[in-house]
């Protein structure tokens, strides 16, 4: 039978592994649209890993549970902050409804030339597409 110390250490290492896999796999799989948009499986793994580490620490306070718990906490909290806080898009402002005239602005195109929205007036509908920078 495994004693309490070994069991707690096992839980701590499992928690650390889950936290690391949850955070790292998000960036490895960022090209998958539903993972990039929700990060749901990665969030579940990171939170579960943190919970495993907390349980291990609560059962037995050893150097291993403290170290693994601290690393798991740093990985999980760092991942959750980076995905759910730092990468969040800003709140939209000045939204223009479909069919409504937009305010005039100029912006560089892919060749670096400035294009003015008003220069397309009377030439038909204009579709503006903005891509997020890290895609």
Protein backbone atom coordinates (compact mmCIF):
# COMPACT_ATOMS: atom_id res chain seq x y z
CA UNK A 1 0.00 0.00 0.00
CA UNK A 2 1.26 3.44 -0.90
CA UNK A 3 1.82 5.73 2.07
CA UNK A 4 0.29 9.21 2.31
CA UNK A 5 3.51 11.00 1.37
CA UNK A 6 3.97 9.11 -1.90
CA UNK A 7 0.30 9.50 -2.77
CA UNK A 8 0.43 13.27 -2.17
CA UNK A 9 3.61 13.54 -4.24
CA UNK A 10 1.95 11.61 -7.07
CA UNK A 11 -1.05 13.94 -7.00
CA UNK A 12 1.30 16.93 -7.05
CA UNK A 13 3.24 15.66 -10.10
CA UNK A 14 0.00 14.77 -11.91
CA UNK A 15 -1.31 18.27 -11.18
CA UNK A 16 1.87 19.86 -12.47
CA UNK A 17 1.75 17.73 -15.64
CA UNK A 18 -1.92 18.61 -16.25
CA UNK A 19 -1.23 22.33 -15.78
CA UNK A 20 1.73 22.21 -18.15
CA UNK A 21 -0.16 20.23 -20.82
CA UNK A 22 -3.18 22.56 -20.52
CA UNK A 23 -1.10 25.69 -21.07
CA UNK A 24 1.39 24.43 -23.64
CA UNK A 25 -1.12 22.52 -25.78
CA UNK A 26 -3.19 25.69 -26.28
CA UNK A 27 -0.30 27.38 -28.06
CA UNK A 28 0.56 24.16 -29.94
CA UNK A 29 -3.06 23.86 -31.16
CA UNK A 30 -3.77 27.58 -31.67
CA UNK A 31 -4.41 26.96 -35.38
CA UNK A 32 -7.55 24.95 -34.50
CA UNK A 33 -10.35 27.57 -34.58
CA UNK A 34 -12.55 26.26 -31.75
CA UNK A 35 -9.56 25.85 -29.42
CA UNK A 36 -8.27 29.33 -30.29
CA UNK A 37 -11.72 30.82 -29.69
CA UNK A 38 -12.69 29.06 -26.47
CA UNK A 39 -9.61 27.40 -24.95
CA UNK A 40 -12.11 25.18 -23.13
CA UNK A 41 -10.17 21.88 -22.96
CA UNK A 42 -7.00 23.75 -22.03
CA UNK A 43 -8.77 25.73 -19.32
CA UNK A 44 -10.25 22.54 -17.88
CA UNK A 45 -6.83 20.88 -17.83
CA UNK A 46 -5.13 23.88 -16.23
CA UNK A 47 -7.79 24.25 -13.52
CA UNK A 48 -7.86 20.49 -12.86
CA UNK A 49 -4.07 20.46 -12.56
CA UNK A 50 -4.20 23.32 -10.09
CA UNK A 51 -6.86 21.48 -8.07
CA UNK A 52 -4.76 18.29 -8.02
CA UNK A 53 -1.81 20.29 -6.71
CA UNK A 54 -3.92 21.98 -4.03
CA UNK A 55 -5.30 18.62 -2.91
CA UNK A 56 -1.78 17.17 -2.76
CA UNK A 57 -0.59 20.13 -0.71
CA UNK A 58 -3.57 19.83 1.65
CA UNK A 59 -2.95 16.11 2.21
CA UNK A 60 0.76 16.30 2.90
CA UNK A 61 3.11 19.28 2.98
CA UNK A 62 6.37 18.06 1.51
CA UNK A 63 9.03 19.79 -0.57
CA UNK A 64 7.64 18.03 -3.62
CA UNK A 65 4.03 19.12 -3.08
CA UNK A 66 5.13 22.68 -2.35
CA UNK A 67 7.38 22.87 -5.43
CA UNK A 68 4.93 21.13 -7.78
CA UNK A 69 2.04 23.18 -6.39
CA UNK A 70 3.90 26.46 -6.86
CA UNK A 71 4.90 25.58 -10.43
CA UNK A 72 1.40 24.33 -11.21
CA UNK A 73 -0.07 27.55 -9.84
CA UNK A 74 2.31 29.70 -11.89
CA UNK A 75 1.61 27.74 -15.07
CA UNK A 76 -2.16 27.61 -14.60
CA UNK A 77 -2.63 31.19 -13.51
CA UNK A 78 -0.21 32.45 -16.18
CA UNK A 79 -2.04 30.54 -18.89
CA UNK A 80 -5.50 31.61 -17.69
CA UNK A 81 -4.44 35.25 -17.46
CA UNK A 82 -2.79 35.22 -20.87
CA UNK A 83 -5.74 33.64 -22.67
CA UNK A 84 -8.75 35.03 -20.82
CA UNK A 85 -7.46 38.50 -19.89
CA UNK A 86 -4.50 39.64 -21.99
CA UNK A 87 -5.69 38.24 -25.35
CA UNK A 88 -9.27 39.43 -24.94
CA UNK A 89 -10.42 41.82 -27.62
CA UNK A 90 -11.31 45.35 -26.53
CA UNK A 91 -14.96 46.28 -26.24
CA UNK A 92 -16.34 47.53 -29.55
CA UNK A 93 -17.23 51.20 -29.83
CA UNK A 94 -18.76 53.20 -32.63
CA UNK A 95 -20.41 50.14 -34.14
CA UNK A 96 -21.92 50.79 -37.55
CA UNK A 97 -25.03 48.78 -38.42
CA UNK A 98 -25.37 47.05 -41.76
CA UNK A 99 -26.54 49.59 -44.36
CA UNK A 100 -25.55 52.57 -42.22
CA UNK A 101 -22.84 54.98 -43.46
CA UNK A 102 -19.54 54.65 -41.63
CA UNK A 103 -17.44 57.60 -40.51
CA UNK A 104 -14.75 58.49 -43.04
CA UNK A 105 -11.25 57.23 -42.26
CA UNK A 106 -8.03 56.36 -44.04
CA UNK A 107 -5.91 53.27 -43.49
CA UNK A 108 -2.87 51.76 -45.22
CA UNK A 109 -3.54 48.80 -47.51
CA UNK A 110 -1.31 45.75 -47.89
CA UNK A 111 1.06 47.76 -50.08
CA UNK A 112 1.41 50.62 -47.59
CA UNK A 113 -0.67 53.08 -49.66
CA UNK A 114 -3.23 55.15 -47.73
CA UNK A 115 -6.80 54.40 -48.78
CA UNK A 116 -9.67 56.74 -47.86
CA UNK A 117 -13.12 55.25 -47.32
CA UNK A 118 -14.82 58.24 -48.94
CA UNK A 119 -12.97 57.51 -52.21
CA UNK A 120 -15.29 54.50 -52.68
CA UNK A 121 -18.50 56.51 -52.26
CA UNK A 122 -20.96 55.86 -55.08
CA UNK A 123 -19.00 52.86 -56.41
CA UNK A 124 -21.13 50.24 -54.64
CA UNK A 125 -20.99 48.52 -51.28
CA UNK A 126 -17.71 48.34 -49.37
CA UNK A 127 -16.74 45.38 -47.23
CA UNK A 128 -14.13 45.99 -44.53
CA UNK A 129 -12.33 43.01 -43.04
CA UNK A 130 -9.99 43.35 -40.05
CA UNK A 131 -7.86 40.43 -38.94
CA UNK A 132 -6.49 39.94 -35.46
CA UNK A 133 -2.75 40.35 -35.45
CA UNK A 134 -1.64 36.98 -34.02
CA UNK A 135 -3.51 34.80 -36.53
